[in-house]
C-alpha cells in the first residue's frame, strides 16, 4: 500500500509538542504520507536536511514551518535554507504553518520564493487535501 502514498515524507518544523502530535495524527490519518519527521527548531531542521547519509534520512517533499521557535525561528531558517545547495531543496513544498496572524509575517514569508503558502495552525485534513490536490495530483 505504501506505493499508493502521494507524499514520501513531510518535515514538521515546530517547537510545540502538542502541535506536532496533532499535525502528525492529521497527516497519518490522511493516508497521503509514508513518513513524518519532526524538527523542534530551524537548526535541527537544517541538520536533518543536510545529513542525507543518515540511515533514517528521508528527503521531505513537504515542509511545514512554524515562525516562532527558540534558537532559530522560521525566518532565520528560511534565510539559511535558501543558501543550501539546491539538491537539498528540490521537490519541496514549503508552507508556513503558524499561529501568527500578523500581516507583516505573511508579507515576510511571501517575500521568500521557496514559500508557497501561509496557513494558520492547526493543520486540518482540508488543508492537507488542498496541498495534495494543488502540488501532487
C-alpha atoms as a PDB file:
ATOM      1  CA  UNK A   1       0.000   0.000   0.000  1.00  0.00           C
ATOM      2  CA  UNK A   2       2.968   2.324   0.512  1.00  0.00           C
ATOM      3  CA  UNK A   3       3.342   2.780  -3.237  1.00  0.00           C
ATOM      4  CA  UNK A   4      -0.082   4.464  -3.355  1.00  0.00           C
ATOM      5  CA  UNK A   5       1.020   7.170  -0.951  1.00  0.00           C
ATOM      6  CA  UNK A   6       1.192  10.573  -2.570  1.00  0.00           C
ATOM      7  CA  UNK A   7       3.926  12.075  -0.382  1.00  0.00           C
ATOM      8  CA  UNK A   8       7.001  10.175   0.709  1.00  0.00           C
ATOM      9  CA  UNK A   9       7.969  12.408   3.647  1.00  0.00           C
ATOM     10  CA  UNK A  10       6.707  15.519   5.438  1.00  0.00           C
ATOM     11  CA  UNK A  11       9.003  17.502   7.728  1.00  0.00           C
ATOM     12  CA  UNK A  12       7.340  19.414  10.569  1.00  0.00           C
ATOM     13  CA  UNK A  13       9.474  22.235  11.945  1.00  0.00           C
ATOM     14  CA  UNK A  14       7.822  23.343  15.161  1.00  0.00           C
ATOM     15  CA  UNK A  15       8.837  23.547  18.810  1.00  0.00           C
ATOM     16  CA  UNK A  16       5.344  22.839  20.180  1.00  0.00           C
ATOM     17  CA  UNK A  17       4.998  19.130  21.066  1.00  0.00           C
ATOM     18  CA  UNK A  18       1.177  19.353  21.168  1.00  0.00           C
ATOM     19  CA  UNK A  19       1.037  20.852  17.665  1.00  0.00           C
ATOM     20  CA  UNK A  20       3.497  18.231  16.378  1.00  0.00           C
ATOM     21  CA  UNK A  21       1.407  15.442  17.920  1.00  0.00           C
ATOM     22  CA  UNK A  22      -1.824  16.780  16.383  1.00  0.00           C
ATOM     23  CA  UNK A  23      -0.268  17.512  12.984  1.00  0.00           C
ATOM     24  CA  UNK A  24       1.321  14.042  12.864  1.00  0.00           C
ATOM     25  CA  UNK A  25      -2.106  12.498  13.611  1.00  0.00           C
ATOM     26  CA  UNK A  26      -3.799  14.520  10.842  1.00  0.00           C
ATOM     27  CA  UNK A  27      -1.080  13.543   8.359  1.00  0.00           C
ATOM     28  CA  UNK A  28      -1.029   9.861   9.319  1.00  0.00           C
ATOM     29  CA  UNK A  29      -4.842   9.613   9.326  1.00  0.00           C
ATOM     30  CA  UNK A  30      -4.965  11.155   5.835  1.00  0.00           C
ATOM     31  CA  UNK A  31      -3.082   8.233   4.314  1.00  0.00           C
ATOM     32  CA  UNK A  32      -1.218  10.631   1.991  1.00  0.00           C
ATOM     33  CA  UNK A  33       2.210  10.236   3.512  1.00  0.00           C
ATOM     34  CA  UNK A  34       4.714   7.451   4.229  1.00  0.00           C
ATOM     35  CA  UNK A  35       6.706   9.284   6.898  1.00  0.00           C
ATOM     36  CA  UNK A  36       6.542  12.302   9.155  1.00  0.00           C
ATOM     37  CA  UNK A  37       9.773  13.745  10.537  1.00  0.00           C
ATOM     38  CA  UNK A  38       9.883  16.403  13.251  1.00  0.00           C
ATOM     39  CA  UNK A  39      12.495  19.074  13.943  1.00  0.00           C
ATOM     40  CA  UNK A  40      11.901  21.240  17.011  1.00  0.00           C
ATOM     41  CA  UNK A  41      13.687  24.287  15.595  1.00  0.00           C
ATOM     42  CA  UNK A  42      15.296  25.608  12.458  1.00  0.00           C
ATOM     43  CA  UNK A  43      18.784  24.405  13.347  1.00  0.00           C
ATOM     44  CA  UNK A  44      17.582  20.823  13.858  1.00  0.00           C
ATOM     45  CA  UNK A  45      15.769  21.017  10.525  1.00  0.00           C
ATOM     46  CA  UNK A  46      18.882  22.238   8.678  1.00  0.00           C
ATOM     47  CA  UNK A  47      20.909  19.428  10.263  1.00  0.00           C
ATOM     48  CA  UNK A  48      18.311  16.905   9.161  1.00  0.00           C
ATOM     49  CA  UNK A  49      18.145  18.255   5.593  1.00  0.00           C
ATOM     50  CA  UNK A  50      21.912  18.294   5.113  1.00  0.00           C
ATOM     51  CA  UNK A  51      22.598  14.855   6.623  1.00  0.00           C
ATOM     52  CA  UNK A  52      21.382  12.764   3.705  1.00  0.00           C
ATOM     53  CA  UNK A  53      23.752   9.934   4.575  1.00  0.00           C
ATOM     54  CA  UNK A  54      21.965   9.260   7.874  1.00  0.00           C
ATOM     55  CA  UNK A  55      20.420   5.766   7.818  1.00  0.00           C
ATOM     56  CA  UNK A  56      16.956   7.111   8.694  1.00  0.00           C
ATOM     57  CA  UNK A  57      17.071  10.016   6.224  1.00  0.00           C
ATOM     58  CA  UNK A  58      14.001  10.521   4.071  1.00  0.00           C
ATOM     59  CA  UNK A  59      14.030  13.560   1.809  1.00  0.00           C
ATOM     60  CA  UNK A  60      10.954  15.664   2.595  1.00  0.00           C
ATOM     61  CA  UNK A  61       8.641  16.647  -0.185  1.00  0.00           C
ATOM     62  CA  UNK A  62       6.666  18.941   2.115  1.00  0.00           C
ATOM     63  CA  UNK A  63       7.981  21.168   4.888  1.00  0.00           C
ATOM     64  CA  UNK A  64       5.538  22.758   7.321  1.00  0.00           C
ATOM     65  CA  UNK A  65       7.371  25.582   9.069  1.00  0.00           C
ATOM     66  CA  UNK A  66       6.389  27.464  12.212  1.00  0.00           C
ATOM     67  CA  UNK A  67       7.579  31.045  12.690  1.00  0.00           C
ATOM     68  CA  UNK A  68       8.031  31.443  16.438  1.00  0.00           C
ATOM     69  CA  UNK A  69      10.610  28.978  17.773  1.00  0.00           C
ATOM     70  CA  UNK A  70      13.527  29.323  20.189  1.00  0.00           C
ATOM     71  CA  UNK A  71      17.081  29.112  18.884  1.00  0.00           C
ATOM     72  CA  UNK A  72      16.342  29.654  15.209  1.00  0.00           C
ATOM     73  CA  UNK A  73      12.913  30.918  14.205  1.00  0.00           C
ATOM     74  CA  UNK A  74      11.147  30.257  10.917  1.00  0.00           C
ATOM     75  CA  UNK A  75      12.514  33.338   9.164  1.00  0.00           C
ATOM     76  CA  UNK A  76      16.078  32.597  10.273  1.00  0.00           C
ATOM     77  CA  UNK A  77      15.584  29.046   8.983  1.00  0.00           C
ATOM     78  CA  UNK A  78      14.370  30.375   5.618  1.00  0.00           C
ATOM     79  CA  UNK A  79      17.445  32.597   5.267  1.00  0.00           C
ATOM     80  CA  UNK A  80      19.737  29.587   5.816  1.00  0.00           C
ATOM     81  CA  UNK A  81      17.567  27.190   3.807  1.00  0.00           C
ATOM     82  CA  UNK A  82      17.815  29.430   0.743  1.00  0.00           C
ATOM     83  CA  UNK A  83      21.625  29.218   0.948  1.00  0.00           C
ATOM     84  CA  UNK A  84      21.584  25.411   0.790  1.00  0.00           C
ATOM     85  CA  UNK A  85      22.633  23.565  -2.320  1.00  0.00           C
ATOM     86  CA  UNK A  86      19.524  23.035  -4.488  1.00  0.00           C
ATOM     87  CA  UNK A  87      19.877  19.262  -4.065  1.00  0.00           C
ATOM     88  CA  UNK A  88      18.645  19.738  -0.501  1.00  0.00           C
ATOM     89  CA  UNK A  89      15.680  21.827  -1.653  1.00  0.00           C
ATOM     90  CA  UNK A  90      14.353  20.183  -4.806  1.00  0.00           C
ATOM     91  CA  UNK A  91      10.771  18.947  -4.904  1.00  0.00           C
ATOM     92  CA  UNK A  92       9.936  20.576  -1.594  1.00  0.00           C
ATOM     93  CA  UNK A  93       6.674  22.333  -0.942  1.00  0.00           C
ATOM     94  CA  UNK A  94       7.393  24.754   1.903  1.00  0.00           C
ATOM     95  CA  UNK A  95       4.419  26.167   3.767  1.00  0.00           C
ATOM     96  CA  UNK A  96       4.455  28.444   6.780  1.00  0.00           C
ATOM     97  CA  UNK A  97       2.105  26.914   9.369  1.00  0.00           C
ATOM     98  CA  UNK A  98       1.813  29.307  12.267  1.00  0.00           C
ATOM     99  CA  UNK A  99      -0.393  30.931  14.864  1.00  0.00           C
ATOM    100  CA  UNK A 100       0.825  34.360  13.748  1.00  0.00           C
ATOM    101  CA  UNK A 101      -1.973  36.480  12.295  1.00  0.00           C
ATOM    102  CA  UNK A 102       0.422  39.403  11.811  1.00  0.00           C
ATOM    103  CA  UNK A 103       0.141  40.607   8.182  1.00  0.00           C
ATOM    104  CA  UNK A 104       3.830  41.617   8.330  1.00  0.00           C
ATOM    105  CA  UNK A 105       4.762  37.979   8.985  1.00  0.00           C
ATOM    106  CA  UNK A 106       2.707  36.886   5.993  1.00  0.00           C
ATOM    107  CA  UNK A 107       4.373  39.533   3.789  1.00  0.00           C
ATOM    108  CA  UNK A 108       7.825  38.469   5.037  1.00  0.00           C
ATOM    109  CA  UNK A 109       7.030  34.820   4.313  1.00  0.00           C
ATOM    110  CA  UNK A 110       5.708  35.597   0.829  1.00  0.00           C
ATOM    111  CA  UNK A 111       8.894  37.538   0.051  1.00  0.00           C
ATOM    112  CA  UNK A 112      10.743  34.195   0.064  1.00  0.00           C
ATOM    113  CA  UNK A 113      10.449  32.380  -3.271  1.00  0.00           C
ATOM    114  CA  UNK A 114      10.612  28.983  -1.574  1.00  0.00           C
ATOM    115  CA  UNK A 115       7.461  29.659   0.485  1.00  0.00           C
ATOM    116  CA  UNK A 116       4.390  28.579  -1.470  1.00  0.00           C
ATOM    117  CA  UNK A 117       1.771  29.050   1.245  1.00  0.00           C
ATOM    118  CA  UNK A 118       0.923  30.606   4.579  1.00  0.00           C
ATOM    119  CA  UNK A 119      -1.584  28.749   6.766  1.00  0.00           C
ATOM    120  CA  UNK A 120      -2.907  29.185  10.287  1.00  0.00           C
ATOM    121  CA  UNK A 121      -2.494  26.392  12.810  1.00  0.00           C
ATOM    122  CA  UNK A 122      -3.714  23.827  13.381  1.00  0.00           C
ATOM    123  CA  UNK A 123      -3.186  21.741  10.263  1.00  0.00           C
ATOM    124  CA  UNK A 124      -6.512  20.275   9.163  1.00  0.00           C
ATOM    125  CA  UNK A 125      -7.394  17.454   6.801  1.00  0.00           C
ATOM    126  CA  UNK A 126      -8.909  20.057   4.457  1.00  0.00           C
ATOM    127  CA  UNK A 127      -5.579  21.950   4.325  1.00  0.00           C
ATOM    128  CA  UNK A 128      -3.739  18.722   3.614  1.00  0.00           C
ATOM    129  CA  UNK A 129      -6.249  17.797   0.887  1.00  0.00           C
ATOM    130  CA  UNK A 130      -5.647  21.205  -0.729  1.00  0.00           C
ATOM    131  CA  UNK A 131      -1.836  20.805  -0.581  1.00  0.00           C
ATOM    132  CA  UNK A 132      -2.026  17.362  -2.180  1.00  0.00           C
ATOM    133  CA  UNK A 133      -4.509  18.483  -4.842  1.00  0.00           C
ATOM    134  CA  UNK A 134      -2.503  21.586  -5.739  1.00  0.00           C
ATOM    135  CA  UNK A 135       1.028  20.135  -5.677  1.00  0.00           C
ATOM    136  CA  UNK A 136       0.844  16.346  -6.004  1.00  0.00           C
ATOM    137  CA  UNK A 137      -2.022  15.427  -8.317  1.00  0.00           C
END
